[in-house]
């Protein structure tokens, strides 16, 4: 029963996501390419963010560099319209 409930929740989330964004059939070819590139960039930045968050270090210099990298990545993601997915 639990699995069915989870599936319904996922289906509802997908329906909401598709309803909130314009249909790809409504976009021009240039807009489709730009949207695809934006999504690829967001995915790449999300992966970089996860890698930075997973690193552990006792070096204060390395920690500072990681914090700066994380801030830079999150700033770029915000510029692309990204929101934190929990």
N, C-alpha and C. Protein backbone atom coordinates (compact mmCIF):
# COMPACT_ATOMS: atom_id res chain seq x y z
N UNK A 1 0.82 -1.18 0.00
CA UNK A 1 0.00 0.00 0.00
C UNK A 1 0.87 1.25 0.00
N UNK A 2 1.95 1.21 0.73
CA UNK A 2 2.84 2.36 0.80
C UNK A 2 3.40 2.71 -0.57
N UNK A 3 3.78 1.69 -1.33
CA UNK A 3 4.37 1.94 -2.64
C UNK A 3 3.38 2.64 -3.56
N UNK A 4 2.14 2.23 -3.54
CA UNK A 4 1.12 2.87 -4.37
C UNK A 4 0.93 4.32 -3.99
N UNK A 5 0.98 4.62 -2.72
CA UNK A 5 0.83 6.00 -2.25
C UNK A 5 1.98 6.86 -2.75
N UNK A 6 3.21 6.30 -2.67
CA UNK A 6 4.38 7.04 -3.16
C UNK A 6 4.26 7.30 -4.66
N UNK A 7 3.80 6.31 -5.41
CA UNK A 7 3.66 6.47 -6.85
C UNK A 7 2.67 7.58 -7.17
N UNK A 8 1.58 7.61 -6.43
CA UNK A 8 0.59 8.65 -6.67
C UNK A 8 1.19 10.02 -6.38
N UNK A 9 1.95 10.12 -5.33
CA UNK A 9 2.58 11.39 -4.99
C UNK A 9 3.53 11.83 -6.10
N UNK A 10 4.31 10.91 -6.62
CA UNK A 10 5.25 11.23 -7.71
C UNK A 10 4.48 11.67 -8.94
N UNK A 11 3.40 10.95 -9.26
CA UNK A 11 2.59 11.32 -10.42
C UNK A 11 2.00 12.71 -10.25
N UNK A 12 1.53 13.02 -9.05
CA UNK A 12 0.98 14.34 -8.78
C UNK A 12 2.06 15.41 -8.94
N UNK A 13 3.26 15.13 -8.45
CA UNK A 13 4.36 16.09 -8.57
C UNK A 13 4.71 16.34 -10.03
N UNK A 14 4.73 15.27 -10.82
CA UNK A 14 5.05 15.42 -12.24
C UNK A 14 3.97 16.21 -12.96
N UNK A 15 2.72 15.98 -12.61
CA UNK A 15 1.62 16.70 -13.23
C UNK A 15 1.70 18.19 -12.88
N UNK A 16 2.03 18.50 -11.63
CA UNK A 16 2.16 19.89 -11.22
C UNK A 16 3.31 20.57 -11.95
N UNK A 17 4.42 19.85 -12.09
CA UNK A 17 5.59 20.42 -12.77
C UNK A 17 5.27 20.69 -14.24
N UNK A 18 4.59 19.78 -14.89
CA UNK A 18 4.28 19.98 -16.30
C UNK A 18 3.24 21.07 -16.48
N UNK A 19 2.34 21.24 -15.51
CA UNK A 19 1.32 22.27 -15.61
C UNK A 19 1.92 23.66 -15.40
N UNK A 20 2.96 23.75 -14.57
CA UNK A 20 3.54 25.05 -14.26
C UNK A 20 4.49 25.56 -15.33
N UNK A 21 5.04 24.67 -16.16
CA UNK A 21 5.95 25.11 -17.22
C UNK A 21 5.26 24.99 -18.56
N UNK A 22 5.61 25.87 -19.51
CA UNK A 22 4.95 25.82 -20.81
C UNK A 22 5.30 24.52 -21.53
N UNK A 23 4.37 24.04 -22.30
CA UNK A 23 4.57 22.82 -23.07
C UNK A 23 5.70 23.04 -24.07
N UNK A 24 6.53 22.02 -24.25
CA UNK A 24 7.64 22.16 -25.20
C UNK A 24 7.13 22.29 -26.62
N UNK A 25 5.92 21.80 -26.90
CA UNK A 25 5.38 21.94 -28.25
C UNK A 25 5.01 23.39 -28.55
N UNK A 26 4.84 24.21 -27.51
CA UNK A 26 4.50 25.62 -27.69
C UNK A 26 5.74 26.49 -27.91
N UNK A 27 6.92 25.94 -27.68
CA UNK A 27 8.16 26.72 -27.79
C UNK A 27 8.74 26.64 -29.19
N UNK A 28 9.44 27.70 -29.57
CA UNK A 28 10.14 27.70 -30.85
C UNK A 28 11.37 26.80 -30.72
N UNK A 29 11.95 26.38 -31.83
CA UNK A 29 13.14 25.54 -31.75
C UNK A 29 14.28 26.19 -30.96
N UNK A 30 14.44 27.50 -31.13
CA UNK A 30 15.50 28.21 -30.39
C UNK A 30 15.20 28.19 -28.89
N UNK A 31 13.94 28.39 -28.54
CA UNK A 31 13.54 28.38 -27.13
C UNK A 31 13.71 26.98 -26.53
N UNK A 32 13.42 25.96 -27.34
CA UNK A 32 13.60 24.58 -26.87
C UNK A 32 15.07 24.30 -26.57
N UNK A 33 15.94 24.74 -27.47
CA UNK A 33 17.37 24.54 -27.27
C UNK A 33 17.85 25.30 -26.03
N UNK A 34 17.39 26.53 -25.88
CA UNK A 34 17.77 27.34 -24.72
C UNK A 34 17.28 26.70 -23.42
N UNK A 35 16.05 26.18 -23.45
CA UNK A 35 15.49 25.52 -22.27
C UNK A 35 16.27 24.26 -21.94
N UNK A 36 16.62 23.48 -22.96
CA UNK A 36 17.39 22.26 -22.74
C UNK A 36 18.78 22.59 -22.18
N UNK A 37 19.41 23.63 -22.72
CA UNK A 37 20.73 24.04 -22.23
C UNK A 37 20.64 24.52 -20.77
N UNK A 38 19.59 25.27 -20.45
CA UNK A 38 19.39 25.74 -19.08
C UNK A 38 19.23 24.56 -18.12
N UNK A 39 18.45 23.56 -18.55
CA UNK A 39 18.24 22.37 -17.70
C UNK A 39 19.54 21.60 -17.52
N UNK A 40 20.33 21.48 -18.58
CA UNK A 40 21.63 20.79 -18.47
C UNK A 40 22.56 21.55 -17.53
N UNK A 41 22.56 22.87 -17.63
CA UNK A 41 23.42 23.70 -16.76
C UNK A 41 22.99 23.55 -15.30
N UNK A 42 21.69 23.56 -15.06
CA UNK A 42 21.19 23.38 -13.69
C UNK A 42 21.59 22.02 -13.16
N UNK A 43 21.44 20.98 -13.97
CA UNK A 43 21.81 19.63 -13.54
C UNK A 43 23.30 19.56 -13.22
N UNK A 44 24.12 20.16 -14.05
CA UNK A 44 25.56 20.17 -13.83
C UNK A 44 25.90 20.89 -12.52
N UNK A 45 25.28 22.05 -12.31
CA UNK A 45 25.54 22.81 -11.08
C UNK A 45 25.04 22.07 -9.84
N UNK A 46 23.91 21.36 -9.97
CA UNK A 46 23.41 20.57 -8.84
C UNK A 46 24.40 19.47 -8.46
N UNK A 47 24.98 18.83 -9.47
CA UNK A 47 25.97 17.79 -9.21
C UNK A 47 27.22 18.38 -8.53
N UNK A 48 27.65 19.54 -9.01
CA UNK A 48 28.80 20.21 -8.39
C UNK A 48 28.49 20.58 -6.94
N UNK A 49 27.28 21.05 -6.72
CA UNK A 49 26.86 21.44 -5.36
C UNK A 49 26.88 20.23 -4.43
N UNK A 50 26.35 19.11 -4.91
CA UNK A 50 26.35 17.88 -4.10
C UNK A 50 27.77 17.43 -3.78
N UNK A 51 28.67 17.53 -4.76
CA UNK A 51 30.06 17.13 -4.52
C UNK A 51 30.70 18.01 -3.45
N UNK A 52 30.49 19.32 -3.56
CA UNK A 52 31.06 20.25 -2.58
C UNK A 52 30.49 19.97 -1.19
N UNK A 53 29.18 19.73 -1.12
CA UNK A 53 28.56 19.47 0.18
C UNK A 53 29.05 18.16 0.79
N UNK A 54 29.44 17.20 -0.03
CA UNK A 54 29.87 15.91 0.49
C UNK A 54 31.33 15.90 0.95
N UNK A 55 32.10 16.91 0.58
CA UNK A 55 33.51 16.95 0.97
C UNK A 55 33.67 17.32 2.43
N UNK A 56 34.59 16.65 3.08
CA UNK A 56 34.92 16.93 4.48
C UNK A 56 36.41 17.26 4.54
N UNK A 57 36.74 18.26 5.33
CA UNK A 57 38.14 18.63 5.46
C UNK A 57 38.37 19.29 6.81
N UNK A 58 39.58 19.13 7.31
CA UNK A 58 39.94 19.80 8.56
C UNK A 58 40.77 21.06 8.28
N UNK A 59 41.15 21.23 7.03
CA UNK A 59 41.95 22.38 6.64
C UNK A 59 41.07 23.64 6.54
N UNK A 60 41.40 24.67 7.29
CA UNK A 60 40.59 25.90 7.22
C UNK A 60 40.65 26.55 5.84
N UNK A 61 41.79 26.43 5.16
CA UNK A 61 41.92 27.02 3.82
C UNK A 61 41.03 26.28 2.83
N UNK A 62 41.05 24.95 2.91
CA UNK A 62 40.22 24.15 2.01
C UNK A 62 38.74 24.38 2.30
N UNK A 63 38.38 24.47 3.57
CA UNK A 63 37.00 24.71 3.97
C UNK A 63 36.52 26.05 3.42
N UNK A 64 37.38 27.06 3.51
CA UNK A 64 37.04 28.38 2.98
C UNK A 64 36.82 28.32 1.47
N UNK A 65 37.67 27.59 0.78
CA UNK A 65 37.53 27.45 -0.67
C UNK A 65 36.23 26.73 -1.02
N UNK A 66 35.88 25.70 -0.25
CA UNK A 66 34.63 24.98 -0.50
C UNK A 66 33.41 25.87 -0.24
N UNK A 67 33.47 26.66 0.81
CA UNK A 67 32.36 27.57 1.10
C UNK A 67 32.19 28.60 -0.01
N UNK A 68 33.30 29.11 -0.52
CA UNK A 68 33.24 30.06 -1.62
C UNK A 68 32.66 29.39 -2.87
N UNK A 69 33.12 28.17 -3.16
CA UNK A 69 32.62 27.44 -4.32
C UNK A 69 31.12 27.18 -4.20
N UNK A 70 30.69 26.80 -3.02
CA UNK A 70 29.26 26.54 -2.79
C UNK A 70 28.44 27.81 -2.99
N UNK A 71 28.90 28.92 -2.48
CA UNK A 71 28.19 30.19 -2.64
C UNK A 71 28.10 30.57 -4.12
N UNK A 72 29.18 30.36 -4.85
CA UNK A 72 29.21 30.68 -6.29
C UNK A 72 28.22 29.80 -7.04
N UNK A 73 28.22 28.52 -6.75
CA UNK A 73 27.32 27.57 -7.42
C UNK A 73 25.87 27.94 -7.12
N UNK A 74 25.56 28.20 -5.87
CA UNK A 74 24.18 28.52 -5.50
C UNK A 74 23.73 29.85 -6.13
N UNK A 75 24.63 30.80 -6.26
CA UNK A 75 24.31 32.07 -6.91
C UNK A 75 23.97 31.83 -8.39
N UNK A 76 24.76 31.01 -9.06
CA UNK A 76 24.48 30.69 -10.46
C UNK A 76 23.16 29.97 -10.61
N UNK A 77 22.89 29.03 -9.68
CA UNK A 77 21.62 28.31 -9.73
C UNK A 77 20.43 29.25 -9.55
N UNK A 78 20.55 30.18 -8.63
CA UNK A 78 19.47 31.15 -8.41
C UNK A 78 19.23 32.00 -9.65
N UNK A 79 20.30 32.37 -10.35
CA UNK A 79 20.17 33.15 -11.57
C UNK A 79 19.44 32.38 -12.65
N UNK A 80 19.55 31.04 -12.60
CA UNK A 80 18.87 30.19 -13.57
C UNK A 80 17.45 29.84 -13.15
N UNK A 81 17.02 30.36 -12.00
CA UNK A 81 15.65 30.11 -11.54
C UNK A 81 15.49 28.83 -10.77
N UNK A 82 16.56 28.32 -10.22
CA UNK A 82 16.55 27.07 -9.49
C UNK A 82 16.07 27.29 -8.07
N UNK A 83 15.36 26.31 -7.52
CA UNK A 83 15.00 26.37 -6.12
C UNK A 83 15.42 25.05 -5.48
N UNK A 84 15.72 25.10 -4.20
CA UNK A 84 16.20 23.91 -3.49
C UNK A 84 15.13 22.85 -3.49
N UNK A 85 15.53 21.64 -3.90
CA UNK A 85 14.62 20.50 -3.91
C UNK A 85 14.89 19.65 -2.69
N UNK A 86 13.94 19.58 -1.82
CA UNK A 86 14.12 18.80 -0.59
C UNK A 86 13.55 17.42 -0.74
